[in-house]
Amino acid sequence: MPLRLKKLIGTILLVTLVVFYAIVATIVAVAQLAESSWVVHLAYFFFTGLLWVLPAMAIIKWMAGPKAQP
């Protein structure tokens, strides 16, 4: 697969991931954390704010393709 096509697909996947993840994280927060303290909210949004990086790293790694041979 050409690198430009992989980058286009990866970009679309990253944008979709971020939008979908933000919506799901917000829905969970509203449904489950309505009566929780500010510390619980802080911890939840801290961890969910970092958790999306794992699938994003996999997509970016796939977009970059194999390393060039020296």
PDB file of N, CA and C in Angstrom:
ATOM      1  N   MET A   1       0.839  -1.165   0.000  1.00  0.00           N
ATOM      2  CA  MET A   1       0.000   0.000   0.000  1.00  0.00           C
ATOM      3  C   MET A   1       0.895   1.242   0.000  1.00  0.00           C
ATOM      4  N   PRO A   2       0.586   2.193  -0.857  1.00  0.00           N
ATOM      5  CA  PRO A   2       1.399   3.412  -0.902  1.00  0.00           C
ATOM      6  C   PRO A   2       1.350   4.170   0.436  1.00  0.00           C
ATOM      7  N   LEU A   3       2.457   4.810   0.757  1.00  0.00           N
ATOM      8  CA  LEU A   3       2.570   5.518   2.032  1.00  0.00           C
ATOM      9  C   LEU A   3       1.558   6.654   2.141  1.00  0.00           C
ATOM     10  N   ARG A   4       1.310   7.345   1.052  1.00  0.00           N
ATOM     11  CA  ARG A   4       0.338   8.452   1.091  1.00  0.00           C
ATOM     12  C   ARG A   4      -1.058   7.958   1.420  1.00  0.00           C
ATOM     13  N   LEU A   5      -1.426   6.810   0.892  1.00  0.00           N
ATOM     14  CA  LEU A   5      -2.739   6.238   1.175  1.00  0.00           C
ATOM     15  C   LEU A   5      -2.829   5.797   2.632  1.00  0.00           C
ATOM     16  N   LYS A   6      -1.748   5.207   3.134  1.00  0.00           N
ATOM     17  CA  LYS A   6      -1.723   4.806   4.550  1.00  0.00           C
ATOM     18  C   LYS A   6      -1.869   6.016   5.460  1.00  0.00           C
ATOM     19  N   LYS A   7      -1.224   7.115   5.105  1.00  0.00           N
ATOM     20  CA  LYS A   7      -1.315   8.325   5.921  1.00  0.00           C
ATOM     21  C   LYS A   7      -2.716   8.924   5.865  1.00  0.00           C
ATOM     22  N   LEU A   8      -3.360   8.884   4.719  1.00  0.00           N
ATOM     23  CA  LEU A   8      -4.728   9.376   4.606  1.00  0.00           C
ATOM     24  C   LEU A   8      -5.679   8.542   5.454  1.00  0.00           C
ATOM     25  N   ILE A   9      -5.578   7.218   5.323  1.00  0.00           N
ATOM     26  CA  ILE A   9      -6.424   6.322   6.113  1.00  0.00           C
ATOM     27  C   ILE A   9      -6.141   6.495   7.600  1.00  0.00           C
ATOM     28  N   GLY A  10      -4.880   6.599   7.973  1.00  0.00           N
ATOM     29  CA  GLY A  10      -4.512   6.781   9.369  1.00  0.00           C
ATOM     30  C   GLY A  10      -5.035   8.081   9.942  1.00  0.00           C
ATOM     31  N   THR A  11      -4.982   9.151   9.160  1.00  0.00           N
ATOM     32  CA  THR A  11      -5.497  10.438   9.611  1.00  0.00           C
ATOM     33  C   THR A  11      -7.000  10.368   9.859  1.00  0.00           C
ATOM     34  N   ILE A  12      -7.718   9.749   8.952  1.00  0.00           N
ATOM     35  CA  ILE A  12      -9.163   9.584   9.120  1.00  0.00           C
ATOM     36  C   ILE A  12      -9.454   8.731  10.358  1.00  0.00           C
ATOM     37  N   LEU A  13      -8.684   7.662  10.552  1.00  0.00           N
ATOM     38  CA  LEU A  13      -8.864   6.811  11.735  1.00  0.00           C
ATOM     39  C   LEU A  13      -8.574   7.569  13.026  1.00  0.00           C
ATOM     40  N   LEU A  14      -7.534   8.389  13.042  1.00  0.00           N
ATOM     41  CA  LEU A  14      -7.196   9.155  14.239  1.00  0.00           C
ATOM     42  C   LEU A  14      -8.282  10.158  14.601  1.00  0.00           C
ATOM     43  N   VAL A  15      -8.789  10.866  13.611  1.00  0.00           N
ATOM     44  CA  VAL A  15      -9.855  11.832  13.878  1.00  0.00           C
ATOM     45  C   VAL A  15     -11.106  11.113  14.380  1.00  0.00           C
ATOM     46  N   THR A  16     -11.448   9.995  13.756  1.00  0.00           N
ATOM     47  CA  THR A  16     -12.602   9.218  14.184  1.00  0.00           C
ATOM     48  C   THR A  16     -12.412   8.686  15.598  1.00  0.00           C
ATOM     49  N   LEU A  17     -11.225   8.191  15.906  1.00  0.00           N
ATOM     50  CA  LEU A  17     -10.918   7.692  17.245  1.00  0.00           C
ATOM     51  C   LEU A  17     -11.101   8.776  18.296  1.00  0.00           C
ATOM     52  N   VAL A  18     -10.550   9.950  18.054  1.00  0.00           N
ATOM     53  CA  VAL A  18     -10.624  11.033  19.034  1.00  0.00           C
ATOM     54  C   VAL A  18     -12.069  11.470  19.257  1.00  0.00           C
ATOM     55  N   VAL A  19     -12.827  11.630  18.192  1.00  0.00           N
ATOM     56  CA  VAL A  19     -14.219  12.057  18.329  1.00  0.00           C
ATOM     57  C   VAL A  19     -15.036  10.999  19.063  1.00  0.00           C
ATOM     58  N   PHE A  20     -14.932   9.749  18.636  1.00  0.00           N
ATOM     59  CA  PHE A  20     -15.685   8.666  19.259  1.00  0.00           C
ATOM     60  C   PHE A  20     -15.288   8.495  20.726  1.00  0.00           C
ATOM     61  N   TYR A  21     -14.004   8.536  20.999  1.00  0.00           N
ATOM     62  CA  TYR A  21     -13.508   8.357  22.363  1.00  0.00           C
ATOM     63  C   TYR A  21     -13.980   9.486  23.266  1.00  0.00           C
ATOM     64  N   ALA A  22     -13.945  10.710  22.773  1.00  0.00           N
ATOM     65  CA  ALA A  22     -14.396  11.850  23.580  1.00  0.00           C
ATOM     66  C   ALA A  22     -15.879  11.745  23.897  1.00  0.00           C
ATOM     67  N   ILE A  23     -16.671  11.336  22.931  1.00  0.00           N
ATOM     68  CA  ILE A  23     -18.114  11.195  23.163  1.00  0.00           C
ATOM     69  C   ILE A  23     -18.384  10.101  24.180  1.00  0.00           C
ATOM     70  N   VAL A  24     -17.744   8.958  24.024  1.00  0.00           N
ATOM     71  CA  VAL A  24     -17.967   7.843  24.959  1.00  0.00           C
ATOM     72  C   VAL A  24     -17.480   8.210  26.366  1.00  0.00           C
ATOM     73  N   ALA A  25     -16.322   8.829  26.483  1.00  0.00           N
ATOM     74  CA  ALA A  25     -15.800   9.211  27.795  1.00  0.00           C
ATOM     75  C   ALA A  25     -16.720  10.218  28.478  1.00  0.00           C
ATOM     76  N   THR A  26     -17.279  11.139  27.722  1.00  0.00           N
ATOM     77  CA  THR A  26     -18.185  12.126  28.295  1.00  0.00           C
ATOM     78  C   THR A  26     -19.504  11.492  28.715  1.00  0.00           C
ATOM     79  N   ILE A  27     -20.029  10.587  27.913  1.00  0.00           N
ATOM     80  CA  ILE A  27     -21.271   9.901  28.262  1.00  0.00           C
ATOM     81  C   ILE A  27     -21.094   9.095  29.546  1.00  0.00           C
ATOM     82  N   VAL A  28     -19.979   8.382  29.651  1.00  0.00           N
ATOM     83  CA  VAL A  28     -19.704   7.605  30.867  1.00  0.00           C
ATOM     84  C   VAL A  28     -19.573   8.532  32.067  1.00  0.00           C
ATOM     85  N   ALA A  29     -18.898   9.646  31.892  1.00  0.00           N
ATOM     86  CA  ALA A  29     -18.714  10.588  33.002  1.00  0.00           C
ATOM     87  C   ALA A  29     -20.052  11.155  33.466  1.00  0.00           C
ATOM     88  N   VAL A  30     -20.904  11.524  32.548  1.00  0.00           N
ATOM     89  CA  VAL A  30     -22.203  12.096  32.911  1.00  0.00           C
ATOM     90  C   VAL A  30     -23.079  11.042  33.577  1.00  0.00           C
ATOM     91  N   ALA A  31     -23.050   9.821  33.068  1.00  0.00           N
ATOM     92  CA  ALA A  31     -23.918   8.771  33.593  1.00  0.00           C
ATOM     93  C   ALA A  31     -23.433   8.218  34.940  1.00  0.00           C
ATOM     94  N   GLN A  32     -22.132   8.130  35.151  1.00  0.00           N
ATOM     95  CA  GLN A  32     -21.612   7.452  36.330  1.00  0.00           C
ATOM     96  C   GLN A  32     -21.042   8.383  37.396  1.00  0.00           C
ATOM     97  N   LEU A  33     -20.620   9.567  37.024  1.00  0.00           N
ATOM     98  CA  LEU A  33     -19.910  10.419  37.968  1.00  0.00           C
ATOM     99  C   LEU A  33     -20.701  11.650  38.405  1.00  0.00           C
ATOM    100  N   ALA A  34     -22.000  11.645  38.200  1.00  0.00           N
ATOM    101  CA  ALA A  34     -22.808  12.833  38.487  1.00  0.00           C
ATOM    102  C   ALA A  34     -22.712  13.255  39.954  1.00  0.00           C
ATOM    103  N   GLU A  35     -22.685  12.327  40.857  1.00  0.00           N
ATOM    104  CA  GLU A  35     -22.672  12.634  42.290  1.00  0.00           C
ATOM    105  C   GLU A  35     -21.295  12.476  42.925  1.00  0.00           C
ATOM    106  N   SER A  36     -20.284  12.258  42.134  1.00  0.00           N
ATOM    107  CA  SER A  36     -18.939  12.028  42.668  1.00  0.00           C
ATOM    108  C   SER A  36     -18.247  13.342  43.010  1.00  0.00           C
ATOM    109  N   SER A  37     -17.215  13.225  43.819  1.00  0.00           N
ATOM    110  CA  SER A  37     -16.463  14.416  44.223  1.00  0.00           C
ATOM    111  C   SER A  37     -15.561  14.897  43.088  1.00  0.00           C
ATOM    112  N   TRP A  38     -14.982  16.066  43.277  1.00  0.00           N
ATOM    113  CA  TRP A  38     -14.118  16.638  42.253  1.00  0.00           C
ATOM    114  C   TRP A  38     -12.842  15.819  42.083  1.00  0.00           C
ATOM    115  N   VAL A  39     -12.423  15.116  43.133  1.00  0.00           N
ATOM    116  CA  VAL A  39     -11.214  14.294  43.034  1.00  0.00           C
ATOM    117  C   VAL A  39     -11.452  13.113  42.094  1.00  0.00           C
ATOM    118  N   VAL A  40     -12.621  12.518  42.191  1.00  0.00           N
ATOM    119  CA  VAL A  40     -12.966  11.401  41.296  1.00  0.00           C
ATOM    120  C   VAL A  40     -13.055  11.897  39.857  1.00  0.00           C
ATOM    121  N   HIS A  41     -13.660  13.059  39.664  1.00  0.00           N
ATOM    122  CA  HIS A  41     -13.730  13.636  38.319  1.00  0.00           C
ATOM    123  C   HIS A  41     -12.329  13.906  37.763  1.00  0.00           C
ATOM    124  N   LEU A  42     -11.488  14.468  38.599  1.00  0.00           N
ATOM    125  CA  LEU A  42     -10.119  14.766  38.175  1.00  0.00           C
ATOM    126  C   LEU A  42      -9.386  13.492  37.774  1.00  0.00           C
ATOM    127  N   ALA A  43      -9.476  12.460  38.594  1.00  0.00           N
ATOM    128  CA  ALA A  43      -8.804  11.190  38.292  1.00  0.00           C
ATOM    129  C   ALA A  43      -9.374  10.557  37.024  1.00  0.00           C
ATOM    130  N   TYR A  44     -10.696  10.569  36.880  1.00  0.00           N
ATOM    131  CA  TYR A  44     -11.336   9.974  35.700  1.00  0.00           C
ATOM    132  C   TYR A  44     -10.867  10.670  34.422  1.00  0.00           C
ATOM    133  N   PHE A  45     -10.941  11.992  34.407  1.00  0.00           N
ATOM    134  CA  PHE A  45     -10.568  12.708  33.190  1.00  0.00           C
ATOM    135  C   PHE A  45      -9.068  12.676  32.939  1.00  0.00           C
ATOM    136  N   PHE A  46      -8.272  12.559  33.988  1.00  0.00           N
ATOM    137  CA  PHE A  46      -6.831  12.401  33.805  1.00  0.00           C
ATOM    138  C   PHE A  46      -6.528  11.084  33.100  1.00  0.00           C
ATOM    139  N   PHE A  47      -7.103   9.992  33.606  1.00  0.00           N
ATOM    140  CA  PHE A  47      -6.817   8.684  33.009  1.00  0.00           C
ATOM    141  C   PHE A  47      -7.455   8.514  31.641  1.00  0.00           C
ATOM    142  N   THR A  48      -8.685   8.982  31.475  1.00  0.00           N
ATOM    143  CA  THR A  48      -9.291   8.861  30.150  1.00  0.00           C
ATOM    144  C   THR A  48      -8.622   9.796  29.148  1.00  0.00           C
ATOM    145  N   GLY A  49      -8.063  10.901  29.641  1.00  0.00           N
ATOM    146  CA  GLY A  49      -7.331  11.799  28.760  1.00  0.00           C
ATOM    147  C   GLY A  49      -6.034  11.198  28.260  1.00  0.00           C
ATOM    148  N   LEU A  50      -5.455  10.303  29.030  1.00  0.00           N
ATOM    149  CA  LEU A  50      -4.222   9.640  28.612  1.00  0.00           C
ATOM    150  C   LEU A  50      -4.462   8.320  27.883  1.00  0.00           C
ATOM    151  N   LEU A  51      -5.593   7.691  28.137  1.00  0.00           N
ATOM    152  CA  LEU A  51      -5.842   6.349  27.611  1.00  0.00           C
ATOM    153  C   LEU A  51      -5.987   6.309  26.087  1.00  0.00           C
ATOM    154  N   TRP A  52      -6.469   7.378  25.472  1.00  0.00           N
ATOM    155  CA  TRP A  52      -6.652   7.365  24.022  1.00  0.00           C
ATOM    156  C   TRP A  52      -5.323   7.316  23.273  1.00  0.00           C
ATOM    157  N   VAL A  53      -4.243   7.614  23.971  1.00  0.00           N
ATOM    158  CA  VAL A  53      -2.936   7.639  23.322  1.00  0.00           C
ATOM    159  C   VAL A  53      -2.510   6.240  22.870  1.00  0.00           C
ATOM    160  N   LEU A  54      -2.902   5.206  23.594  1.00  0.00           N
ATOM    161  CA  LEU A  54      -2.491   3.840  23.241  1.00  0.00           C
ATOM    162  C   LEU A  54      -2.980   3.422  21.851  1.00  0.00           C
ATOM    163  N   PRO A  55      -4.283   3.524  21.536  1.00  0.00           N
ATOM    164  CA  PRO A  55      -4.680   3.166  20.171  1.00  0.00           C
ATOM    165  C   PRO A  55      -4.149   4.152  19.131  1.00  0.00           C
ATOM    166  N   ALA A  56      -3.981   5.422  19.525  1.00  0.00           N
ATOM    167  CA  ALA A  56      -3.428   6.398  18.583  1.00  0.00           C
ATOM    168  C   ALA A  56      -1.989   6.045  18.221  1.00  0.00           C
ATOM    169  N   MET A  57      -1.213   5.580  19.199  1.00  0.00           N
ATOM    170  CA  MET A  57       0.166   5.169  18.911  1.00  0.00           C
ATOM    171  C   MET A  57       0.194   4.008  17.931  1.00  0.00           C
ATOM    172  N   ALA A  58      -0.731   3.065  18.089  1.00  0.00           N
ATOM    173  CA  ALA A  58      -0.775   1.930  17.166  1.00  0.00           C
ATOM    174  C   ALA A  58      -1.103   2.388  15.747  1.00  0.00           C
ATOM    175  N   ILE A  59      -2.030   3.323  15.622  1.00  0.00           N
ATOM    176  CA  ILE A  59      -2.387   3.833  14.295  1.00  0.00           C
ATOM    177  C   ILE A  59      -1.205   4.579  13.681  1.00  0.00           C
ATOM    178  N   ILE A  60      -0.542   5.402  14.460  1.00  0.00           N
ATOM    179  CA  ILE A  60       0.605   6.162  13.947  1.00  0.00           C
ATOM    180  C   ILE A  60       1.746   5.234  13.563  1.00  0.00           C
ATOM    181  N   LYS A  61       1.967   4.194  14.352  1.00  0.00           N
ATOM    182  CA  LYS A  61       3.010   3.221  14.026  1.00  0.00           C
ATOM    183  C   LYS A  61       2.686   2.523  12.704  1.00  0.00           C
ATOM    184  N   TRP A  62       1.418   2.187  12.490  1.00  0.00           N
ATOM    185  CA  TRP A  62       1.012   1.551  11.241  1.00  0.00           C
ATOM    186  C   TRP A  62       1.192   2.525  10.078  1.00  0.00           C
ATOM    187  N   MET A  63       0.858   3.803  10.298  1.00  0.00           N
ATOM    188  CA  MET A  63       0.993   4.800   9.241  1.00  0.00           C
ATOM    189  C   MET A  63       2.448   4.977   8.807  1.00  0.00           C
ATOM    190  N   ALA A  64       3.372   4.910   9.758  1.00  0.00           N
ATOM    191  CA  ALA A  64       4.773   5.126   9.454  1.00  0.00           C
ATOM    192  C   ALA A  64       5.345   3.999   8.604  1.00  0.00           C
ATOM    193  N   GLY A  65       4.795   2.815   8.731  1.00  0.00           N
ATOM    194  CA  GLY A  65       5.266   1.694   7.939  1.00  0.00           C
ATOM    195  C   GLY A  65       6.545   1.110   8.492  1.00  0.00           C
ATOM    196  N   PRO A  66       7.117   0.148   7.789  1.00  0.00           N
ATOM    197  CA  PRO A  66       8.351  -0.469   8.257  1.00  0.00           C
ATOM    198  C   PRO A  66       9.513   0.511   8.188  1.00  0.00           C
ATOM    199  N   LYS A  67      10.479   0.284   9.067  1.00  0.00           N
ATOM    200  CA  LYS A  67      11.675   1.148   9.074  1.00  0.00           C
ATOM    201  C   LYS A  67      12.508   0.897   7.812  1.00  0.00           C
ATOM    202  N   ALA A  68      13.146   1.952   7.348  1.00  0.00           N
ATOM    203  CA  ALA A  68      13.968   1.849   6.154  1.00  0.00           C
ATOM    204  C   ALA A  68      15.227   1.041   6.449  1.00  0.00           C
ATOM    205  N   GLN A  69      15.639   0.247   5.481  1.00  0.00           N
ATOM    206  CA  GLN A  69      16.848  -0.550   5.615  1.00  0.00           C
ATOM    207  C   GLN A  69      18.062   0.353   5.354  1.00  0.00           C
ATOM    208  N   PRO A  70      19.098   0.301   6.192  1.00  0.00           N
ATOM    209  CA  PRO A  70      20.285   1.144   5.959  1.00  0.00           C
ATOM    210  C   PRO A  70      21.133   0.660   4.810  1.00  0.00           C
TER     211      PRO A  70
END
